[in-house]
């Protein structure tokens, strides 16, 4: 069926508005689509004037858009682990892509599978299975190609074989808008306006040399990077449209809630170009979050600050599954139903390397943000082996997304209140924290191929040169 979908658009889909979606009837199934490294400001529904995301924008028009959704950490493995556990990285323990989730940590897929729900994961490039993030998925299919050629086809085939009366939770991940930024030629020709033709590539190693000042930014390099990023965003959008067409052709759209989110954003500014894991600004921490399907109001925009950890209890509620006491998220259903609108606060941190694995300690940088303010704390060496956290900036993030104007001196009471809240959160993360597992050598080598680590095993930004595109798939169990 996949070839026919690619060959032409379905006449009646969730996106066109022909499919009937009952806002009052609960969903039977859930499809979670996660898009790697997608900035919220690249979507037209979030204010972008360049037409990159028609499918995602129609989802926002036909469903509900969360204006201010927060990622807990700007790195792939930790952020996805938070979506699947309802716990922040500092609590579930996967605080860097060099680490794997402990098998004792209960995941969303495990809970649903134990409740009789069919669970399946379809993803490309990033080795989620090796990181133990796919615990509980009955079906796990990895596409090794950067262009995610096989992800939707595998999803389509799985639905073909799934009994019509079986409830399901499917996760589709597209590792597309991520370096090495190699968009298909169709998207490159349409959207890349600046053409850098020098000797440098877009690998993490090259961009780290730029970041450290070892080499200058060549003319047109940053502009070409941004254009290639836009082209990949547009390509990822086309994959979302394919996935929704599959649901319609399989007659599964009416009873299925579709959730679309990014795991984190990307930095395309200055010397942090493409180095999202080093950046705690809104460019990497604010992500798009869209929902469409049963129980979701049409054309609604929710201004509340919400977090990716909130997806865990939200999805469990669809299936009537119990929410474990370890959950740190808040169900979004009261907000979706218009029953609750209360001030919310989001928390985040940078990836850290854990001392128990003899990998050293990470930079210790943390953020807290509410509907107006965002505070950053940096951890620094104190007396002896002690560390102390100091205010690194207070920003009105909605009016100052680049976080240039530090207002901590002008608003000391606001800074102190947020600092206390952030300190309380950091302390809470240490209580009941799960231990993480160092990835095996094979996994480490795969991450090195992707540019996540250098040959010495030190952490990188999660970018680099990936494997060649192809049709080969790898089944994880």
Protein backbone atom coordinates (compact mmCIF):
# COMPACT_ATOMS: atom_id res chain seq x y z
CA UNK A 1 0.00 0.00 0.00
CA UNK A 2 2.89 2.39 0.65
CA UNK A 3 3.75 2.86 -3.02
CA UNK A 4 0.22 4.02 -3.83
CA UNK A 5 0.33 6.51 -0.99
CA UNK A 6 3.57 8.03 -2.18
CA UNK A 7 2.32 8.12 -5.76
CA UNK A 8 -0.67 10.35 -4.97
CA UNK A 9 -2.42 12.09 -2.10
CA UNK A 10 -5.50 10.59 -0.54
CA UNK A 11 -8.65 12.52 -1.39
CA UNK A 12 -10.07 12.33 2.10
CA UNK A 13 -7.76 12.45 5.11
CA UNK A 14 -7.53 13.85 8.60
CA UNK A 15 -5.69 16.79 7.05
CA UNK A 16 -8.34 17.60 4.47
CA UNK A 17 -11.10 17.60 7.05
CA UNK A 18 -13.18 14.92 5.30
CA UNK A 19 -12.55 12.30 7.98
CA UNK A 20 -15.07 12.65 10.77
CA UNK A 21 -13.47 13.34 14.12
CA UNK A 22 -15.75 13.37 17.14
CA UNK A 23 -14.49 15.87 19.71
CA UNK A 24 -16.52 14.22 22.46
CA UNK A 25 -15.84 10.52 21.88
CA UNK A 26 -12.65 9.20 23.50
CA UNK A 27 -9.94 7.78 21.27
CA UNK A 28 -9.35 4.04 21.02
CA UNK A 29 -5.77 4.26 19.76
CA UNK A 30 -2.78 6.60 19.85
CA UNK A 31 -0.09 7.34 17.28
CA UNK A 32 2.83 9.36 18.61
CA UNK A 33 4.99 10.97 15.93
CA UNK A 34 8.27 12.49 17.12
CA UNK A 35 10.36 14.67 14.83
CA UNK A 36 14.02 15.05 15.67
CA UNK A 37 15.58 18.48 16.10
CA UNK A 38 12.54 20.49 14.97
CA UNK A 39 12.36 24.11 16.11
CA UNK A 40 8.86 25.38 16.84
CA UNK A 41 9.48 28.55 14.84
CA UNK A 42 9.92 26.55 11.63
CA UNK A 43 6.18 25.76 11.50
CA UNK A 44 3.79 28.16 9.85
CA UNK A 45 1.34 27.61 12.71
CA UNK A 46 4.04 28.92 15.06
CA UNK A 47 4.67 32.04 13.00
CA UNK A 48 7.07 31.04 10.23
CA UNK A 49 6.43 32.95 6.99
CA UNK A 50 8.27 30.44 4.81
CA UNK A 51 6.02 27.62 3.63
CA UNK A 52 7.79 24.54 5.00
CA UNK A 53 5.18 22.56 6.93
CA UNK A 54 1.77 22.43 5.20
CA UNK A 55 0.85 19.08 6.77
CA UNK A 56 1.79 20.10 10.30
CA UNK A 57 0.02 23.43 9.84
CA UNK A 58 -3.16 21.64 8.76
CA UNK A 59 -2.92 19.47 11.86
CA UNK A 60 -2.83 22.67 13.92
CA UNK A 61 -5.81 23.99 11.98
CA UNK A 62 -7.83 20.77 12.33
CA UNK A 63 -6.67 19.96 15.85
CA UNK A 64 -5.09 21.61 18.88
CA UNK A 65 -1.74 23.39 19.09
CA UNK A 66 0.26 23.93 22.27
CA UNK A 67 2.01 27.28 21.96
CA UNK A 68 4.65 26.71 24.63
CA UNK A 69 5.75 23.08 24.96
CA UNK A 70 9.05 22.41 26.70
CA UNK A 71 11.65 19.71 26.11
CA UNK A 72 13.41 18.53 29.27
CA UNK A 73 16.83 18.22 27.63
CA UNK A 74 18.10 19.11 24.14
CA UNK A 75 19.26 15.62 23.25
CA UNK A 76 17.49 12.71 21.53
CA UNK A 77 17.79 9.77 23.93
CA UNK A 78 17.09 11.61 27.20
CA UNK A 79 14.14 13.54 25.79
CA UNK A 80 12.44 10.45 24.37
CA UNK A 81 13.06 8.57 27.60
CA UNK A 82 11.16 11.35 29.40
CA UNK A 83 8.20 11.03 27.05
CA UNK A 84 8.10 7.27 27.67
CA UNK A 85 8.57 7.37 31.46
CA UNK A 86 6.96 10.62 32.58
CA UNK A 87 10.19 11.43 34.38
CA UNK A 88 12.84 14.08 33.81
CA UNK A 89 16.29 12.92 32.64
CA UNK A 90 17.84 13.81 36.00
CA UNK A 91 15.39 11.32 37.55
CA UNK A 92 15.16 8.45 35.05
CA UNK A 93 18.96 8.52 34.73
CA UNK A 94 19.42 8.70 30.95
CA UNK A 95 21.14 12.08 30.99
CA UNK A 96 23.31 11.65 27.93
CA UNK A 97 23.21 9.70 24.68
CA UNK A 98 26.16 7.67 25.97
CA UNK A 99 23.88 6.10 28.56
CA UNK A 100 21.05 3.57 28.43
CA UNK A 101 17.81 3.46 30.40
CA UNK A 102 17.82 1.02 33.29
CA UNK A 103 15.53 -1.94 32.60
CA UNK A 104 13.90 -1.43 35.99
CA UNK A 105 12.40 1.87 34.81
CA UNK A 106 8.79 1.27 33.75
CA UNK A 107 7.92 2.66 30.35
CA UNK A 108 4.72 3.74 28.66
CA UNK A 109 4.87 0.83 26.21
CA UNK A 110 5.38 -1.70 29.01
CA UNK A 111 2.32 -0.46 30.89
CA UNK A 112 0.16 -0.49 27.77
CA UNK A 113 1.42 -3.87 26.60
CA UNK A 114 0.65 -5.37 30.00
CA UNK A 115 -2.86 -3.98 29.60
CA UNK A 116 -3.41 -5.79 26.31
CA UNK A 117 -2.67 -2.87 23.97
CA UNK A 118 -0.69 -3.62 20.80
CA UNK A 119 2.54 -1.60 20.86
CA UNK A 120 4.92 -0.88 17.99
CA UNK A 121 7.89 1.42 17.36
CA UNK A 122 9.18 2.50 13.95
CA UNK A 123 12.23 4.73 13.85
CA UNK A 124 15.34 5.54 11.87
CA UNK A 125 19.04 6.12 12.49
CA UNK A 126 19.17 6.66 16.25
CA UNK A 127 19.67 3.30 18.04
CA UNK A 128 16.80 3.63 20.54
CA UNK A 129 16.72 -0.13 21.09
CA UNK A 130 20.30 -0.23 22.28
CA UNK A 131 19.57 2.67 24.63
CA UNK A 132 16.70 0.60 26.10
CA UNK A 133 14.21 3.34 25.25
CA UNK A 134 12.05 0.84 23.31
CA UNK A 135 11.32 -1.39 26.31
CA UNK A 136 7.78 -2.73 26.10
CA UNK A 137 7.21 -2.37 22.36
CA UNK A 138 6.11 -5.72 20.93
CA UNK A 139 7.25 -4.69 17.46
CA UNK A 140 10.41 -2.64 16.98
CA UNK A 141 11.66 -1.82 13.50
CA UNK A 142 14.67 0.38 12.83
CA UNK A 143 15.33 1.90 9.42
CA UNK A 144 19.04 2.56 9.07
CA UNK A 145 18.68 5.31 6.45
CA UNK A 146 18.75 9.03 7.17
CA UNK A 147 15.78 9.62 4.85
CA UNK A 148 13.50 7.25 6.79
CA UNK A 149 12.40 5.48 3.61
CA UNK A 150 11.08 2.43 5.43
CA UNK A 151 9.43 3.91 8.53
CA UNK A 152 5.96 4.57 7.12
CA UNK A 153 5.99 1.41 5.02
CA UNK A 154 6.69 -0.71 8.10
CA UNK A 155 3.92 1.08 9.99
CA UNK A 156 1.54 0.44 7.10
CA UNK A 157 2.42 -3.26 6.99
CA UNK A 158 1.99 -3.60 10.75
CA UNK A 159 -1.49 -2.09 10.59
CA UNK A 160 -2.35 -4.47 7.73
CA UNK A 161 -1.76 -7.43 10.04
CA UNK A 162 -3.30 -5.94 13.20
CA UNK A 163 -6.84 -7.15 14.02
CA UNK A 164 -9.36 -4.34 13.61
CA UNK A 165 -10.67 -4.72 17.15
CA UNK A 166 -7.19 -4.55 18.77
CA UNK A 167 -6.38 -1.24 20.42
CA UNK A 168 -2.90 0.04 19.62
CA UNK A 169 -0.17 2.49 20.50
CA UNK A 170 2.30 3.17 17.69
CA UNK A 171 5.36 5.41 17.83
CA UNK A 172 6.92 6.79 14.66
CA UNK A 173 10.18 8.71 14.86
CA UNK A 174 11.76 10.60 11.98
CA UNK A 175 15.42 11.46 12.47
CA UNK A 176 15.37 13.85 9.55
CA UNK A 177 15.81 17.53 10.44
CA UNK A 178 19.13 16.60 12.01
CA UNK A 179 22.65 16.90 10.75
CA UNK A 180 24.25 15.88 8.44
CA UNK A 181 21.40 17.76 6.68
CA UNK A 182 21.15 15.85 3.43
CA UNK A 183 17.64 16.61 2.14
CA UNK A 184 16.31 14.79 -0.93
CA UNK A 185 17.06 16.63 -4.16
CA UNK A 186 13.43 17.71 -4.65
CA UNK A 187 13.47 19.62 -1.36
CA UNK A 188 17.02 20.88 -1.84
CA UNK A 189 16.20 22.43 -5.22
CA UNK A 190 13.05 24.08 -3.89
CA UNK A 191 14.33 25.49 -0.60
CA UNK A 192 18.12 25.87 -0.59
CA UNK A 193 18.92 29.41 -1.71
CA UNK A 194 22.51 29.74 -0.48
CA UNK A 195 25.09 27.26 -1.72
CA UNK A 196 28.28 26.86 0.28
CA UNK A 197 30.76 24.94 -1.88
CA UNK A 198 33.89 24.95 0.28
CA UNK A 199 35.77 22.04 1.85
CA UNK A 200 33.87 21.96 5.17
CA UNK A 201 30.96 19.64 5.88
CA UNK A 202 28.12 19.93 8.41
CA UNK A 203 29.47 17.23 10.74
CA UNK A 204 29.63 17.85 14.48
CA UNK A 205 33.43 17.71 14.40
CA UNK A 206 33.58 20.58 11.91
CA UNK A 207 31.04 22.65 13.82
CA UNK A 208 32.89 22.06 17.09
CA UNK A 209 36.02 23.46 15.45
CA UNK A 210 33.98 26.51 14.48
CA UNK A 211 32.50 26.74 17.98
CA UNK A 212 35.92 26.71 19.65
CA UNK A 213 37.28 29.29 17.23
CA UNK A 214 39.76 26.91 15.64
CA UNK A 215 38.38 27.83 12.22
CA UNK A 216 36.23 30.81 11.18
CA UNK A 217 32.75 30.51 9.73
CA UNK A 218 33.24 30.57 5.94
CA UNK A 219 31.04 32.79 3.74
CA UNK A 220 27.63 31.21 3.00
CA UNK A 221 28.30 28.29 5.38
CA UNK A 222 25.75 29.34 8.02
CA UNK A 223 23.24 30.45 5.40
CA UNK A 224 23.54 27.13 3.57
CA UNK A 225 23.21 25.26 6.87
CA UNK A 226 19.97 27.10 7.64
CA UNK A 227 18.55 26.47 4.17
CA UNK A 228 19.41 22.76 4.29
CA UNK A 229 17.79 22.60 7.70
CA UNK A 230 14.62 24.15 6.27
CA UNK A 231 14.64 21.64 3.42
CA UNK A 232 14.87 18.77 5.90
CA UNK A 233 12.02 20.25 7.95
CA UNK A 234 9.89 20.28 4.81
CA UNK A 235 10.83 16.68 4.06
CA UNK A 236 9.93 15.62 7.62
CA UNK A 237 6.56 17.32 7.14
CA UNK A 238 5.92 15.18 4.07
CA UNK A 239 6.57 12.06 6.14
CA UNK A 240 3.96 13.16 8.68
CA UNK A 241 1.44 13.58 5.87
CA UNK A 242 2.22 10.06 4.61
CA UNK A 243 1.64 8.63 8.09
CA UNK A 244 -1.79 10.26 8.35
CA UNK A 245 -2.70 9.02 4.89
CA UNK A 246 -1.85 5.50 6.04
CA UNK A 247 -4.22 5.83 8.99
CA UNK A 248 -6.98 6.94 6.65
CA UNK A 249 -6.41 4.19 4.09
CA UNK A 250 -6.36 1.64 6.89
CA UNK A 251 -9.66 3.03 8.22
CA UNK A 252 -8.04 3.77 11.57
CA UNK A 253 -8.18 7.58 11.57
CA UNK A 254 -11.58 8.04 13.18
CA UNK A 255 -10.66 6.28 16.42
CA UNK A 256 -7.03 7.38 16.66
CA UNK A 257 -5.50 10.27 18.57
CA UNK A 258 -2.41 11.55 16.75
CA UNK A 259 0.21 13.40 18.78
CA UNK A 260 3.08 15.16 16.99
CA UNK A 261 6.04 16.55 18.92
CA UNK A 262 9.71 17.33 18.51
CA UNK A 263 12.21 15.92 20.97
CA UNK A 264 14.11 19.23 21.01
CA UNK A 265 14.96 22.13 18.72
CA UNK A 266 18.15 23.28 17.07
CA UNK A 267 20.59 26.16 17.28
CA UNK A 268 21.19 27.90 13.98
CA UNK A 269 22.70 31.04 15.43
CA UNK A 270 26.30 32.14 15.82
CA UNK A 271 29.03 29.75 16.84
CA UNK A 272 26.61 27.21 18.32
CA UNK A 273 25.40 26.40 14.81
CA UNK A 274 23.82 22.94 14.95
CA UNK A 275 25.15 22.22 18.46
CA UNK A 276 21.76 21.89 20.17
CA UNK A 277 23.04 19.90 23.14
CA UNK A 278 25.14 22.87 24.25
CA UNK A 279 22.24 25.32 24.18
CA UNK A 280 19.47 25.91 26.74
CA UNK A 281 17.75 28.70 24.86
CA UNK A 282 14.24 28.67 23.44
CA UNK A 283 15.63 27.60 20.07
CA UNK A 284 16.39 24.17 21.55
CA UNK A 285 13.98 23.93 24.50
CA UNK A 286 10.68 25.11 22.99
CA UNK A 287 9.19 22.47 20.72
CA UNK A 288 6.07 22.11 18.59
CA UNK A 289 3.31 19.96 20.09
CA UNK A 290 0.15 19.21 18.09
CA UNK A 291 -2.81 16.87 18.61
CA UNK A 292 -5.61 15.80 16.30
CA UNK A 293 -8.29 13.16 16.65
CA UNK A 294 -11.10 12.08 18.98
CA UNK A 295 -11.57 14.27 22.02
CA UNK A 296 -9.44 17.10 20.61
CA UNK A 297 -11.04 20.44 19.77
CA UNK A 298 -10.61 21.82 16.28
CA UNK A 299 -8.52 24.92 15.67
CA UNK A 300 -7.65 25.54 19.31
CA UNK A 301 -4.40 27.08 20.54
CA UNK A 302 -3.42 26.49 24.16
CA UNK A 303 -1.09 29.15 25.64
CA UNK A 304 -0.17 27.22 28.80
CA UNK A 305 3.43 26.14 29.33
CA UNK A 306 3.42 22.33 29.11
CA UNK A 307 6.17 19.72 29.01
CA UNK A 308 7.00 16.58 27.06
CA UNK A 309 6.85 14.58 30.30
CA UNK A 310 3.11 15.39 30.27
CA UNK A 311 2.60 13.06 27.31
CA UNK A 312 3.13 10.00 29.51
CA UNK A 313 0.04 10.43 31.74
CA UNK A 314 -1.94 11.93 28.85
CA UNK A 315 -1.53 8.83 26.68
CA UNK A 316 -2.09 6.44 29.58
CA UNK A 317 -5.42 8.17 30.27
CA UNK A 318 -6.60 7.38 26.73
CA UNK A 319 -6.32 3.68 27.47
CA UNK A 320 -7.57 3.88 31.05
CA UNK A 321 -4.22 2.60 32.29
CA UNK A 322 -2.97 3.37 35.80
CA UNK A 323 -0.36 6.10 36.12
CA UNK A 324 2.59 4.95 38.26
CA UNK A 325 3.64 6.97 41.28
CA UNK A 326 6.99 7.72 39.61
CA UNK A 327 5.23 9.95 37.05
CA UNK A 328 6.31 13.59 37.15
CA UNK A 329 4.14 14.85 34.30
CA UNK A 330 0.62 16.27 34.31
CA UNK A 331 -2.14 14.92 32.11
CA UNK A 332 -3.05 17.38 29.38
CA UNK A 333 -6.68 16.27 29.19
CA UNK A 334 -8.02 18.84 31.70
CA UNK A 335 -6.41 21.58 29.61
CA UNK A 336 -7.59 20.00 26.35
CA UNK A 337 -11.16 19.85 27.66
CA UNK A 338 -10.99 23.45 28.85
CA UNK A 339 -11.51 22.39 32.46
CA UNK A 340 -8.25 23.78 33.80
CA UNK A 341 -6.04 26.71 33.13
CA UNK A 342 -3.50 27.22 35.85
CA UNK A 343 0.05 28.61 35.77
CA UNK A 344 2.55 25.90 34.89
CA UNK A 345 6.31 25.75 35.14
CA UNK A 346 8.79 23.90 32.95
CA UNK A 347 12.23 22.59 33.87
CA UNK A 348 15.24 21.63 31.80
CA UNK A 349 18.90 20.74 31.96
CA UNK A 350 21.81 20.11 29.64
CA UNK A 351 23.10 16.59 28.99
CA UNK A 352 25.51 15.44 31.67
CA UNK A 353 28.09 12.67 31.88
CA UNK A 354 27.71 10.73 35.10
CA UNK A 355 30.54 10.23 37.58
CA UNK A 356 29.49 6.67 38.40
CA UNK A 357 30.63 5.70 34.90
CA UNK A 358 33.97 7.52 35.25
CA UNK A 359 32.98 9.86 32.45
CA UNK A 360 33.32 13.04 34.46
CA UNK A 361 30.68 15.55 35.42
CA UNK A 362 28.71 17.58 32.92
CA UNK A 363 28.44 21.35 32.90
CA UNK A 364 25.57 21.47 35.40
CA UNK A 365 23.28 23.98 33.69
CA UNK A 366 19.59 24.18 34.51
CA UNK A 367 16.55 26.24 33.52
CA UNK A 368 13.09 27.00 34.84
CA UNK A 369 10.49 28.91 32.86
CA UNK A 370 6.91 29.97 33.30
CA UNK A 371 4.55 31.95 31.08
CA UNK A 372 6.72 35.05 31.28
CA UNK A 373 10.12 34.44 32.82
CA UNK A 374 13.00 32.06 32.27
CA UNK A 375 15.88 31.65 34.72
CA UNK A 376 19.19 29.88 34.03
CA UNK A 377 21.46 28.49 36.71
CA UNK A 378 25.07 27.48 36.03
CA UNK A 379 26.94 25.10 38.29
CA UNK A 380 30.50 26.13 39.13
CA UNK A 381 33.31 24.79 41.25
CA UNK A 382 33.20 25.98 44.84
CA UNK A 383 35.49 25.32 47.76
CA UNK A 384 37.11 21.91 47.73
CA UNK A 385 34.98 19.41 45.81
CA UNK A 386 31.76 21.34 46.40
CA UNK A 387 29.80 22.92 43.58
CA UNK A 388 27.65 25.99 43.73
CA UNK A 389 24.91 27.19 41.42
CA UNK A 390 24.75 30.83 40.39
CA UNK A 391 22.18 32.78 38.40
CA UNK A 392 23.30 32.97 34.77
CA UNK A 393 20.43 35.10 33.55
CA UNK A 394 16.75 36.03 33.87
CA UNK A 395 14.88 36.65 30.62
CA UNK A 396 11.42 37.54 29.39
CA UNK A 397 11.66 34.67 26.95
CA UNK A 398 8.54 35.43 24.91
CA UNK A 399 9.79 38.93 24.06
CA UNK A 400 13.47 37.99 24.09
CA UNK A 401 13.74 34.46 22.63
CA UNK A 402 17.48 34.87 21.98
CA UNK A 403 17.88 35.62 25.72
CA UNK A 404 20.11 38.65 25.29
CA UNK A 405 18.65 41.05 27.88
CA UNK A 406 19.45 39.71 31.37
CA UNK A 407 16.93 41.22 33.80
CA UNK A 408 18.08 39.53 37.00
CA UNK A 409 19.42 42.82 38.43
CA UNK A 410 16.25 44.73 37.56
CA UNK A 411 13.96 42.02 38.94
CA UNK A 412 15.85 40.40 41.84
CA UNK A 413 12.71 39.12 43.56
CA UNK A 414 11.57 37.29 40.42
CA UNK A 415 15.05 35.81 40.00
CA UNK A 416 15.18 34.67 43.60
CA UNK A 417 11.73 33.10 43.52
CA UNK A 418 12.53 31.15 40.37
CA UNK A 419 15.94 30.19 41.73
CA UNK A 420 14.34 28.68 44.81
CA UNK A 421 11.87 26.76 42.65
CA UNK A 422 14.67 25.44 40.47
CA UNK A 423 16.78 24.44 43.47
CA UNK A 424 13.80 22.57 44.92
CA UNK A 425 13.34 20.73 41.63
CA UNK A 426 17.03 19.79 41.38
CA UNK A 427 16.91 18.39 44.90
CA UNK A 428 13.72 16.44 44.15
CA UNK A 429 15.38 14.85 41.12
CA UNK A 430 18.01 13.28 43.38
CA UNK A 431 15.38 11.46 45.45
CA UNK A 432 14.53 8.06 44.01
CA UNK A 433 16.73 8.65 41.00
CA UNK A 434 17.30 5.59 38.82
CA UNK A 435 20.79 4.55 37.86
CA UNK A 436 21.76 4.53 34.21
CA UNK A 437 23.79 2.02 32.28
CA UNK A 438 26.82 2.78 30.17
CA UNK A 439 26.15 1.74 26.59
CA UNK A 440 28.03 -1.22 25.20
CA UNK A 441 30.93 -0.88 22.79
CA UNK A 442 28.83 -1.65 19.72
CA UNK A 443 26.38 1.10 20.63
CA UNK A 444 29.22 3.52 21.36
CA UNK A 445 30.69 2.79 17.92
CA UNK A 446 27.33 3.47 16.27
CA UNK A 447 27.08 6.78 18.12
CA UNK A 448 30.62 7.62 17.00
CA UNK A 449 29.58 6.99 13.38
CA UNK A 450 26.70 9.42 13.89
CA UNK A 451 29.04 12.00 15.42
CA UNK A 452 27.69 11.74 18.98
CA UNK A 453 31.11 10.93 20.42
CA UNK A 454 34.65 11.36 19.21
CA UNK A 455 37.25 8.61 19.07
CA UNK A 456 38.18 9.27 22.70
CA UNK A 457 34.62 8.58 23.79
CA UNK A 458 33.80 12.12 24.88
CA UNK A 459 30.27 13.40 24.45
CA UNK A 460 29.34 15.50 21.44
CA UNK A 461 26.20 17.26 20.27
CA UNK A 462 24.49 14.38 18.58
CA UNK A 463 25.26 15.36 15.04
CA UNK A 464 27.48 14.09 12.30
CA UNK A 465 27.65 11.84 9.31
CA UNK A 466 25.23 8.94 9.34
CA UNK A 467 25.00 5.71 7.36
CA UNK A 468 24.06 5.65 3.71
CA UNK A 469 20.38 5.69 2.91
CA UNK A 470 18.85 2.38 2.04
CA UNK A 471 15.97 0.02 2.36
CA UNK A 472 17.55 -2.34 4.87
CA UNK A 473 15.70 -2.57 8.15
CA UNK A 474 16.79 -3.93 11.48
CA UNK A 475 14.30 -5.58 13.82
CA UNK A 476 15.04 -5.24 17.53
CA UNK A 477 13.37 -8.36 18.82
